[in-house]
N, C-alpha and C. Protein backbone atom coordinates (compact mmCIF):
# COMPACT_ATOMS: atom_id res chain seq x y z
N MET A 1 126.73 -66.68 -157.18
CA MET A 1 126.80 -67.97 -158.06
C MET A 1 125.72 -68.60 -157.18
N CYS A 2 125.64 -68.80 -156.30
CA CYS A 2 124.34 -69.43 -155.48
C CYS A 2 123.20 -68.70 -155.53
N GLU A 3 123.14 -67.40 -155.78
CA GLU A 3 122.00 -66.55 -155.57
C GLU A 3 121.38 -67.04 -157.39
N GLN A 4 121.90 -66.83 -157.96
CA GLN A 4 121.49 -67.09 -159.56
C GLN A 4 121.05 -68.27 -159.77
N ILE A 5 121.84 -69.16 -159.15
CA ILE A 5 121.49 -70.66 -159.48
C ILE A 5 120.17 -71.05 -158.91
N SER A 6 119.88 -70.27 -157.57
CA SER A 6 118.58 -70.76 -156.83
C SER A 6 117.43 -70.27 -157.51
N LYS A 7 117.50 -69.54 -158.63
CA LYS A 7 116.48 -68.93 -159.23
C LYS A 7 115.95 -69.89 -160.11
N VAL A 8 116.27 -70.99 -160.28
CA VAL A 8 115.86 -71.93 -161.33
C VAL A 8 115.70 -73.51 -160.51
N LYS A 9 114.81 -73.72 -160.38
CA LYS A 9 114.42 -75.31 -159.45
C LYS A 9 115.40 -76.29 -160.16
N GLN A 10 116.21 -76.72 -159.35
CA GLN A 10 117.13 -77.46 -159.44
C GLN A 10 116.90 -79.18 -158.96
N SER A 11 116.73 -79.96 -159.79
CA SER A 11 116.09 -81.37 -159.65
C SER A 11 117.18 -82.23 -158.83
N ARG A 12 118.31 -81.90 -158.31
CA ARG A 12 119.10 -82.72 -157.31
C ARG A 12 119.93 -81.32 -156.68
N LYS A 13 120.41 -81.78 -155.28
CA LYS A 13 120.91 -80.58 -154.29
C LYS A 13 122.14 -80.31 -154.77
N LEU A 14 122.50 -78.80 -154.75
CA LEU A 14 123.70 -78.43 -155.24
C LEU A 14 124.34 -77.72 -154.01
N ILE A 15 125.42 -78.14 -153.60
CA ILE A 15 126.04 -77.72 -152.55
C ILE A 15 127.15 -76.82 -152.53
N PHE A 16 127.33 -75.75 -152.11
CA PHE A 16 128.80 -74.91 -152.55
C PHE A 16 129.23 -74.74 -150.67
N ILE A 17 130.53 -74.95 -150.96
CA ILE A 17 131.23 -74.86 -149.94
C ILE A 17 132.53 -73.83 -150.02
N ALA A 18 132.52 -73.14 -148.86
CA ALA A 18 133.42 -71.79 -149.36
C ALA A 18 134.63 -71.83 -147.99
N ASP A 19 135.87 -71.57 -148.37
CA ASP A 19 136.57 -71.14 -147.22
C ASP A 19 136.58 -70.00 -146.36
N ALA A 20 136.78 -70.09 -145.15
CA ALA A 20 136.67 -69.43 -144.00
C ALA A 20 137.56 -68.23 -143.94
N ASP A 21 138.16 -68.01 -144.89
CA ASP A 21 139.49 -66.95 -145.17
C ASP A 21 138.97 -65.64 -145.38
N ASP A 22 137.77 -65.66 -146.13
CA ASP A 22 137.00 -64.25 -146.85
C ASP A 22 136.09 -63.87 -146.13
N ASP A 23 136.14 -62.66 -145.19
CA ASP A 23 134.78 -62.24 -144.49
C ASP A 23 133.67 -61.90 -145.34
N LYS A 24 133.99 -61.37 -146.40
CA LYS A 24 132.67 -61.09 -147.49
C LYS A 24 132.12 -62.25 -147.93
N THR A 25 132.85 -63.39 -148.35
CA THR A 25 132.32 -64.70 -148.89
C THR A 25 131.76 -65.91 -147.37
N THR A 26 132.34 -65.24 -146.53
CA THR A 26 131.69 -66.11 -144.89
C THR A 26 130.39 -65.74 -144.78
N LYS A 27 130.23 -64.36 -144.88
CA LYS A 27 128.85 -63.63 -144.50
C LYS A 27 127.80 -63.82 -145.77
N ALA A 28 128.53 -64.09 -146.74
CA ALA A 28 127.42 -64.04 -148.06
C ALA A 28 126.89 -65.52 -147.90
N LEU A 29 127.62 -66.75 -147.79
CA LEU A 29 127.39 -68.22 -147.72
C LEU A 29 126.94 -68.66 -146.39
N ALA A 30 127.34 -68.22 -145.31
CA ALA A 30 126.54 -68.95 -144.14
C ALA A 30 125.28 -68.55 -143.52
N LYS A 31 124.75 -68.63 -142.43
CA LYS A 31 123.59 -68.62 -141.99
C LYS A 31 123.94 -68.51 -140.75
N GLN A 32 123.47 -67.34 -140.02
CA GLN A 32 123.88 -67.36 -138.49
C GLN A 32 123.06 -68.26 -137.77
N ASP A 33 121.73 -68.75 -137.67
CA ASP A 33 121.02 -69.57 -137.16
C ASP A 33 121.39 -71.33 -137.38
N LYS A 34 122.05 -71.50 -138.50
CA LYS A 34 122.21 -72.56 -139.09
C LYS A 34 123.76 -72.72 -139.55
N VAL A 35 124.13 -74.11 -139.58
CA VAL A 35 125.59 -73.91 -139.99
C VAL A 35 125.55 -73.76 -141.71
N TYR A 36 124.38 -74.00 -142.33
CA TYR A 36 124.30 -73.86 -143.63
C TYR A 36 123.19 -73.00 -144.25
N LYS A 37 123.25 -72.25 -145.41
CA LYS A 37 122.37 -71.46 -145.97
C LYS A 37 121.42 -72.22 -146.88
N ASP A 38 120.14 -72.05 -146.77
CA ASP A 38 119.18 -73.06 -147.81
C ASP A 38 119.14 -71.38 -148.94
N TRP A 39 119.41 -71.79 -149.67
CA TRP A 39 119.15 -70.51 -150.94
C TRP A 39 117.78 -70.71 -151.24
N GLY A 40 117.23 -71.68 -151.47
CA GLY A 40 116.08 -72.23 -152.35
C GLY A 40 116.23 -72.86 -153.50
N ASN A 41 115.26 -73.84 -154.03
CA ASN A 41 115.18 -74.72 -155.33
C ASN A 41 116.33 -75.57 -155.31
N ASN A 42 116.63 -76.18 -154.11
CA ASN A 42 117.95 -77.12 -153.48
C ASN A 42 119.27 -76.59 -153.77
N VAL A 43 119.28 -75.51 -153.69
CA VAL A 43 120.74 -74.81 -153.30
C VAL A 43 120.96 -74.36 -152.14
N PHE A 44 122.47 -74.99 -151.90
CA PHE A 44 122.82 -74.70 -150.18
C PHE A 44 124.15 -74.54 -150.14
N SER A 45 124.69 -73.79 -149.52
CA SER A 45 126.37 -73.57 -149.39
C SER A 45 126.45 -73.64 -147.63
N PHE A 46 127.88 -73.21 -147.40
CA PHE A 46 128.09 -73.48 -145.82
C PHE A 46 129.47 -73.00 -145.91
N VAL A 47 129.92 -72.53 -144.96
CA VAL A 47 131.46 -72.20 -144.64
C VAL A 47 132.11 -73.24 -143.91
N LEU A 48 133.42 -73.66 -144.24
CA LEU A 48 134.30 -74.90 -143.42
C LEU A 48 133.93 -74.48 -142.13
N PRO A 49 133.67 -75.39 -141.29
CA PRO A 49 133.52 -75.12 -139.87
C PRO A 49 134.71 -75.55 -139.27
N LEU A 50 134.93 -75.10 -138.24
CA LEU A 50 136.48 -74.96 -137.43
C LEU A 50 136.64 -76.28 -136.81
N PRO A 51 137.64 -76.71 -137.26
CA PRO A 51 138.15 -77.98 -136.49
C PRO A 51 138.79 -77.24 -135.14
N GLU A 52 138.80 -78.36 -134.27
CA GLU A 52 139.52 -78.04 -132.86
C GLU A 52 140.96 -77.38 -133.09
N ILE A 53 141.63 -78.19 -134.07
CA ILE A 53 143.07 -77.54 -134.04
C ILE A 53 143.16 -76.09 -134.97
N ARG A 54 142.20 -75.38 -134.69
CA ARG A 54 142.20 -74.26 -135.84
C ARG A 54 141.09 -73.10 -134.68
N LYS A 55 140.86 -73.48 -133.37
CA LYS A 55 139.84 -72.61 -132.89
C LYS A 55 140.54 -70.92 -132.88
N LYS A 56 141.78 -71.22 -132.72
CA LYS A 56 142.71 -69.88 -132.21
C LYS A 56 142.80 -69.10 -133.64
N THR A 57 142.58 -69.96 -134.69
CA THR A 57 142.89 -69.16 -135.85
C THR A 57 141.91 -69.23 -136.97
N PRO A 58 141.02 -68.65 -136.74
CA PRO A 58 139.27 -69.30 -137.57
C PRO A 58 139.42 -68.85 -138.98
N GLU A 59 140.66 -68.23 -139.60
CA GLU A 59 140.32 -67.87 -141.18
C GLU A 59 140.73 -68.82 -141.63
N ILE A 60 139.87 -70.07 -142.10
CA ILE A 60 141.10 -71.14 -142.67
C ILE A 60 140.61 -71.57 -144.15
N CYS A 61 141.31 -72.35 -144.37
CA CYS A 61 140.92 -72.75 -146.00
C CYS A 61 141.01 -74.51 -145.76
N ILE A 62 140.60 -75.18 -147.02
CA ILE A 62 140.57 -76.51 -146.80
C ILE A 62 141.96 -77.16 -146.23
N GLU A 63 143.10 -76.77 -146.70
CA GLU A 63 144.41 -77.11 -146.39
C GLU A 63 144.72 -77.12 -144.55
N HIS A 64 143.99 -76.29 -143.98
CA HIS A 64 144.02 -76.11 -142.54
C HIS A 64 143.45 -77.06 -141.67
N TYR A 65 142.76 -78.24 -142.54
CA TYR A 65 142.03 -79.16 -141.86
C TYR A 65 143.17 -80.36 -141.42
N TYR A 66 144.36 -80.06 -142.15
CA TYR A 66 145.49 -80.89 -141.72
C TYR A 66 146.13 -80.42 -140.82
N THR A 67 146.86 -80.87 -140.07
CA THR A 67 147.92 -80.42 -138.95
C THR A 67 149.23 -79.48 -139.64
N ASP A 68 150.20 -78.74 -139.10
CA ASP A 68 150.55 -77.95 -139.52
C ASP A 68 151.88 -78.71 -140.20
N SER A 69 152.30 -79.90 -139.52
CA SER A 69 153.14 -81.00 -139.91
C SER A 69 153.00 -81.64 -141.13
N GLU A 70 151.68 -81.89 -141.13
CA GLU A 70 151.21 -82.54 -142.19
C GLU A 70 151.15 -81.28 -143.66
N ILE A 71 150.62 -80.06 -143.21
CA ILE A 71 150.64 -79.23 -144.57
C ILE A 71 151.92 -78.84 -145.11
N LYS A 72 153.26 -79.04 -144.08
CA LYS A 72 154.62 -78.61 -144.38
C LYS A 72 155.14 -79.85 -145.29
N THR A 73 154.43 -81.46 -145.60
CA THR A 73 155.11 -82.38 -146.04
C THR A 73 155.79 -82.01 -147.41
N THR A 74 156.77 -82.38 -147.71
CA THR A 74 157.96 -82.39 -148.82
C THR A 74 157.58 -83.24 -150.05
N ILE A 75 157.82 -82.58 -151.07
CA ILE A 75 157.70 -83.55 -152.23
C ILE A 75 158.91 -83.04 -152.83
N GLN A 76 159.93 -84.33 -153.91
CA GLN A 76 160.68 -83.90 -154.61
C GLN A 76 159.94 -83.79 -155.93
N ILE A 77 160.59 -82.56 -156.46
CA ILE A 77 159.88 -82.41 -157.93
C ILE A 77 161.00 -81.83 -158.47
N ASP A 78 161.51 -82.79 -159.86
CA ASP A 78 162.92 -82.38 -160.64
C ASP A 78 163.89 -81.83 -159.89
N GLY A 79 164.40 -82.77 -158.64
CA GLY A 79 165.23 -82.72 -157.96
C GLY A 79 165.03 -81.16 -156.99
N VAL A 80 163.75 -80.79 -156.70
CA VAL A 80 163.77 -79.41 -155.98
C VAL A 80 162.72 -79.89 -154.72
N SER A 81 163.14 -80.09 -153.76
CA SER A 81 162.10 -79.86 -152.34
C SER A 81 161.10 -78.90 -152.46
N ARG A 82 159.63 -79.24 -152.68
CA ARG A 82 158.63 -78.20 -152.38
C ARG A 82 157.87 -78.75 -151.75
N ARG A 83 156.60 -77.92 -150.83
CA ARG A 83 156.05 -77.86 -149.89
C ARG A 83 155.33 -76.73 -149.61
N LEU A 84 153.76 -76.76 -149.40
CA LEU A 84 153.17 -75.82 -148.89
C LEU A 84 153.83 -74.75 -148.01
N TYR A 85 153.55 -73.55 -147.66
CA TYR A 85 154.15 -73.05 -146.73
C TYR A 85 153.07 -72.03 -145.82
N MET A 86 153.24 -71.55 -144.56
CA MET A 86 152.33 -71.03 -143.81
C MET A 86 152.86 -69.53 -143.49
N GLY A 87 152.02 -68.58 -143.62
CA GLY A 87 152.49 -66.84 -143.30
C GLY A 87 153.46 -67.01 -142.30
N ASN A 88 152.90 -67.76 -141.09
CA ASN A 88 153.91 -67.47 -139.86
C ASN A 88 155.27 -68.02 -139.89
N GLU A 89 155.32 -68.61 -141.09
CA GLU A 89 156.85 -68.72 -141.41
C GLU A 89 158.09 -67.88 -141.74
N PHE A 90 157.31 -66.75 -142.15
CA PHE A 90 158.11 -65.44 -142.60
C PHE A 90 157.49 -64.35 -141.76
N ASN A 91 158.57 -63.22 -141.46
CA ASN A 91 157.95 -62.23 -141.10
C ASN A 91 157.65 -61.08 -142.25
N ASN A 92 156.94 -60.20 -141.23
CA ASN A 92 156.11 -59.04 -142.41
C ASN A 92 156.69 -58.65 -143.58
N HIS A 93 158.02 -58.97 -143.79
CA HIS A 93 158.67 -58.32 -144.82
C HIS A 93 159.14 -59.52 -145.91
N GLY A 94 158.52 -60.82 -145.58
CA GLY A 94 158.53 -61.82 -146.26
C GLY A 94 159.70 -62.70 -146.06
N ILE A 95 160.41 -62.69 -145.11
CA ILE A 95 161.94 -63.35 -144.99
C ILE A 95 161.40 -64.49 -143.93
N SER A 96 161.96 -65.61 -144.24
CA SER A 96 161.60 -66.53 -143.05
C SER A 96 162.51 -66.48 -142.09
N PHE A 97 161.98 -66.76 -140.98
CA PHE A 97 162.42 -66.65 -139.80
C PHE A 97 163.89 -66.97 -139.48
N ASP A 98 164.10 -68.26 -140.25
CA ASP A 98 165.42 -68.79 -140.48
C ASP A 98 166.32 -68.09 -141.42
N ARG A 99 165.65 -67.42 -142.07
CA ARG A 99 166.76 -66.36 -142.82
C ARG A 99 167.17 -67.26 -144.15
N THR A 100 166.75 -68.40 -144.57
CA THR A 100 166.96 -68.86 -145.61
C THR A 100 166.44 -68.77 -147.16
N CYS A 101 164.75 -68.32 -146.89
CA CYS A 101 163.74 -68.05 -147.92
C CYS A 101 162.95 -66.72 -147.72
N SER A 102 162.45 -66.26 -148.96
CA SER A 102 161.47 -65.38 -148.80
C SER A 102 160.50 -65.70 -149.68
N CYS A 103 159.15 -64.78 -149.16
CA CYS A 103 158.18 -65.09 -149.82
C CYS A 103 157.78 -63.39 -150.60
N THR A 104 157.24 -64.19 -151.76
CA THR A 104 156.78 -62.68 -152.71
C THR A 104 155.31 -62.41 -152.43
N ASN A 105 154.54 -63.08 -151.46
CA ASN A 105 153.29 -62.46 -151.53
C ASN A 105 153.36 -62.13 -149.90
N LYS A 106 153.84 -61.00 -149.71
CA LYS A 106 153.99 -60.47 -148.00
C LYS A 106 152.88 -60.09 -147.09
N ASN A 107 151.67 -60.08 -148.14
CA ASN A 107 150.55 -59.74 -147.37
C ASN A 107 149.95 -61.15 -146.58
N CYS A 108 150.77 -61.96 -146.89
CA CYS A 108 149.93 -63.51 -146.31
C CYS A 108 151.03 -63.62 -145.20
N CYS A 109 152.41 -62.97 -145.21
CA CYS A 109 153.07 -63.13 -144.00
C CYS A 109 153.19 -62.32 -142.66
N GLY A 110 153.51 -63.12 -141.86
CA GLY A 110 153.30 -62.34 -140.47
C GLY A 110 153.58 -63.26 -139.38
N LYS A 111 153.99 -63.32 -138.35
CA LYS A 111 154.08 -64.07 -137.10
C LYS A 111 152.67 -64.83 -136.73
N ASP A 112 151.59 -64.00 -136.69
CA ASP A 112 150.47 -64.31 -136.40
C ASP A 112 149.59 -64.86 -137.70
N LYS A 113 150.20 -64.90 -138.80
CA LYS A 113 149.33 -65.33 -140.33
C LYS A 113 149.64 -66.95 -140.39
N ILE A 114 148.52 -67.39 -140.68
CA ILE A 114 148.72 -69.00 -141.26
C ILE A 114 147.75 -68.99 -142.53
N ASN A 115 148.30 -68.06 -143.25
CA ASN A 115 147.68 -68.54 -144.86
C ASN A 115 148.42 -69.39 -145.12
N ILE A 116 148.10 -70.10 -146.45
CA ILE A 116 148.80 -71.37 -146.83
C ILE A 116 149.19 -70.34 -148.18
N ILE A 117 150.59 -70.54 -148.43
CA ILE A 117 151.25 -70.10 -149.51
C ILE A 117 151.96 -71.06 -150.09
N ASP A 118 151.27 -71.30 -151.36
CA ASP A 118 151.87 -72.32 -152.23
C ASP A 118 152.19 -72.02 -153.70
N GLY A 119 152.13 -72.77 -154.29
CA GLY A 119 153.10 -72.32 -155.90
C GLY A 119 152.16 -71.72 -156.78
N GLY A 120 151.03 -71.31 -156.45
CA GLY A 120 150.36 -70.93 -157.78
C GLY A 120 150.39 -69.64 -157.46
N GLY A 121 149.65 -68.74 -158.77
CA GLY A 121 149.10 -67.41 -158.78
C GLY A 121 150.56 -66.53 -158.43
N LYS A 122 150.51 -65.45 -157.42
CA LYS A 122 151.38 -64.53 -157.15
C LYS A 122 152.23 -65.19 -156.19
N SER A 123 151.95 -66.12 -155.44
CA SER A 123 152.96 -66.65 -154.54
C SER A 123 154.06 -67.18 -154.87
N ARG A 124 155.46 -67.29 -154.15
CA ARG A 124 156.60 -67.71 -154.77
C ARG A 124 157.23 -68.13 -153.48
N VAL A 125 157.92 -68.71 -153.17
CA VAL A 125 158.71 -68.91 -152.21
C VAL A 125 160.19 -69.52 -152.65
N TYR A 126 161.09 -68.65 -152.34
CA TYR A 126 162.78 -69.22 -152.84
C TYR A 126 163.72 -68.80 -152.00
N LEU A 127 164.71 -69.54 -152.51
CA LEU A 127 166.06 -69.68 -151.31
C LEU A 127 166.63 -68.11 -151.46
N LEU A 128 166.88 -67.47 -150.67
CA LEU A 128 167.36 -65.94 -150.51
C LEU A 128 168.88 -65.90 -151.55
N GLU A 129 169.53 -67.10 -151.25
CA GLU A 129 170.74 -67.38 -152.14
C GLU A 129 170.64 -67.41 -153.37
N ASP A 130 169.30 -67.85 -154.09
CA ASP A 130 169.02 -68.18 -155.36
C ASP A 130 169.03 -66.39 -155.83
N ASP A 131 169.75 -65.77 -156.61
CA ASP A 131 169.95 -64.59 -156.97
C ASP A 131 168.36 -64.02 -157.93
N ASP A 132 168.41 -65.03 -158.90
CA ASP A 132 167.32 -64.88 -159.79
C ASP A 132 165.80 -65.37 -159.57
N GLY A 133 165.45 -66.17 -158.37
CA GLY A 133 164.53 -66.48 -157.79
C GLY A 133 163.56 -67.20 -158.76
N LYS A 134 164.27 -67.92 -159.55
CA LYS A 134 163.31 -68.77 -160.54
C LYS A 134 162.94 -70.38 -159.77
N THR A 135 163.73 -70.27 -158.70
CA THR A 135 163.19 -72.03 -158.36
C THR A 135 162.42 -71.76 -157.46
N ASN A 136 160.97 -71.91 -157.40
CA ASN A 136 159.87 -71.81 -156.55
C ASN A 136 160.06 -72.99 -155.59
N LEU A 137 160.09 -72.80 -154.29
CA LEU A 137 160.18 -73.90 -153.38
C LEU A 137 158.35 -74.36 -153.09
N ALA A 138 157.80 -73.35 -153.04
CA ALA A 138 156.31 -73.28 -152.92
C ALA A 138 155.75 -74.63 -153.63
N LEU A 139 154.88 -75.00 -153.10
CA LEU A 139 154.35 -76.56 -153.70
C LEU A 139 152.94 -76.11 -154.18
N PRO A 140 152.50 -76.13 -155.21
CA PRO A 140 151.04 -75.90 -155.85
C PRO A 140 150.11 -76.67 -154.87
N LYS A 141 148.92 -76.38 -154.62
CA LYS A 141 148.36 -76.78 -153.80
C LYS A 141 147.42 -78.25 -154.36
N MET A 142 147.27 -78.14 -155.97
CA MET A 142 146.84 -79.30 -156.68
C MET A 142 147.94 -80.43 -156.29
N ASP A 143 149.14 -80.31 -156.15
CA ASP A 143 150.48 -81.33 -156.19
C ASP A 143 150.68 -81.94 -154.78
N PHE A 144 149.75 -81.08 -153.63
CA PHE A 144 149.75 -81.18 -152.58
C PHE A 144 148.33 -82.37 -152.39
N ALA A 145 147.40 -82.10 -153.05
CA ALA A 145 146.07 -83.13 -152.93
C ALA A 145 146.57 -84.25 -153.75
N THR A 146 147.55 -84.45 -154.87
CA THR A 146 147.48 -85.36 -155.27
C THR A 146 148.60 -86.25 -154.50
N GLY A 147 149.64 -85.71 -154.00
CA GLY A 147 150.48 -86.48 -152.98
C GLY A 147 149.50 -87.34 -152.09
N ILE A 148 148.43 -86.58 -151.63
CA ILE A 148 147.70 -87.18 -150.53
C ILE A 148 146.78 -88.39 -151.04
N LEU A 149 146.11 -88.25 -152.07
CA LEU A 149 145.31 -89.34 -153.14
C LEU A 149 146.28 -90.05 -153.40
N GLU A 150 147.42 -90.16 -153.91
CA GLU A 150 148.38 -91.18 -154.27
C GLU A 150 149.20 -91.65 -153.13
N LYS A 151 148.74 -90.94 -152.09
CA LYS A 151 149.75 -91.62 -150.99
C LYS A 151 151.25 -91.67 -151.21
N GLN A 152 151.69 -90.68 -151.68
CA GLN A 152 153.22 -90.64 -152.16
C GLN A 152 153.94 -90.57 -150.85
N LYS A 153 155.16 -90.78 -150.99
CA LYS A 153 156.07 -90.76 -149.85
C LYS A 153 156.15 -89.45 -149.03
N GLY A 154 155.89 -89.74 -147.68
CA GLY A 154 155.68 -88.70 -146.65
C GLY A 154 153.80 -88.38 -146.77
N PHE A 155 153.35 -88.81 -147.39
CA PHE A 155 151.79 -88.49 -147.17
C PHE A 155 151.13 -89.81 -146.94
N GLU A 156 151.67 -91.15 -146.57
CA GLU A 156 151.12 -92.36 -146.32
C GLU A 156 150.53 -92.13 -144.94
N ASN A 157 150.39 -91.32 -144.16
CA ASN A 157 149.74 -91.03 -142.77
C ASN A 157 148.94 -89.85 -142.68
N ILE A 158 148.54 -89.41 -143.76
CA ILE A 158 147.75 -88.30 -143.30
C ILE A 158 146.26 -88.27 -142.64
N ASN A 159 146.20 -87.56 -141.92
CA ASN A 159 145.00 -87.72 -140.85
C ASN A 159 143.80 -87.08 -141.52
N PHE A 160 142.59 -87.80 -141.77
CA PHE A 160 141.31 -87.10 -142.20
C PHE A 160 140.24 -86.57 -141.19
N ASP A 161 140.48 -86.82 -140.04
CA ASP A 161 139.59 -86.98 -138.97
C ASP A 161 138.73 -85.49 -139.01
N ASN A 162 139.32 -84.47 -139.28
CA ASN A 162 138.44 -83.27 -139.17
C ASN A 162 137.58 -83.04 -140.37
N PHE A 163 137.71 -84.05 -141.47
CA PHE A 163 137.05 -83.91 -142.27
C PHE A 163 135.49 -84.29 -142.07
N HIS A 164 135.37 -84.92 -140.85
CA HIS A 164 134.14 -85.54 -140.49
C HIS A 164 133.23 -84.10 -140.34
N LEU A 165 133.45 -83.10 -139.78
CA LEU A 165 132.67 -81.82 -139.74
C LEU A 165 132.05 -81.31 -141.03
N ILE A 166 133.01 -81.65 -142.36
CA ILE A 166 132.33 -81.01 -143.44
C ILE A 166 131.08 -82.55 -144.17
N PHE A 167 131.64 -83.61 -143.51
CA PHE A 167 130.99 -84.61 -144.23
C PHE A 167 129.47 -84.58 -143.10
N ASP A 168 129.55 -84.36 -142.10
CA ASP A 168 128.35 -84.05 -141.27
C ASP A 168 127.29 -83.23 -141.67
N ILE A 169 127.89 -82.21 -142.13
CA ILE A 169 126.96 -80.89 -142.61
C ILE A 169 126.38 -81.37 -144.32
N ILE A 170 127.30 -81.89 -144.98
CA ILE A 170 126.58 -82.53 -146.03
C ILE A 170 125.37 -83.38 -145.80
N LYS A 171 125.61 -84.31 -144.90
CA LYS A 171 124.57 -85.02 -144.69
C LYS A 171 123.21 -84.51 -143.99
N GLU A 172 123.59 -83.95 -143.19
CA GLU A 172 122.47 -82.71 -142.86
C GLU A 172 121.38 -82.20 -144.05
N ILE A 173 122.46 -81.76 -145.34
CA ILE A 173 121.69 -81.03 -146.20
C ILE A 173 120.85 -82.30 -146.93
N LEU A 174 121.58 -83.06 -146.90
CA LEU A 174 121.05 -84.22 -148.05
C LEU A 174 119.66 -84.95 -147.46
N ASP A 175 119.76 -84.74 -145.89
CA ASP A 175 118.34 -85.46 -145.43
C ASP A 175 117.23 -84.48 -145.47
N GLU A 176 117.55 -83.29 -145.88
CA GLU A 176 116.41 -82.10 -146.15
C GLU A 176 115.90 -82.71 -147.20
N PRO A 177 114.29 -82.72 -147.01
CA PRO A 177 113.49 -83.15 -148.15
C PRO A 177 114.07 -82.20 -149.77
N LEU A 178 113.94 -82.82 -150.85
CA LEU A 178 114.11 -82.20 -151.95
C LEU A 178 112.70 -81.24 -152.32
N VAL A 179 112.73 -80.42 -152.97
CA VAL A 179 112.13 -79.56 -153.01
C VAL A 179 111.66 -79.32 -154.67
């Protein structure tokens, strides 16, 4: 998309930000000698910079800017406790280490994986005792973001300090002269 949009002069700066959890995307949208890539015609891109808390696990998405405990904040929806899960809560077979839950997206599971497992797409987390697997315990990412935005119960004291890394890059791009 960056390549195509940059073929036409843009009257304002367009900034594309990508998660750092896909090597192909990371290579395409990042630049080795700078923190962002200038595609020309006021089109820029960058990959999420690593906050200190994720230096050991660099394949991150935006939710990883929060601490693990913040990521696991629970919301009650229709009487069901739902939250985001992380891959390291499950073994390679998708069974939680406390043997209460199962994850349907086994590719995201394992003791060294920090993938965010949400309630969208092919990912589902359900209680092992739930024979039909219809009650998804995984929270959609949009509901997580809404909880933060609306400061819902449990989300009142979320820390945003890591986001300065993103804002610093955006400011650097905005300081570039328009072409």
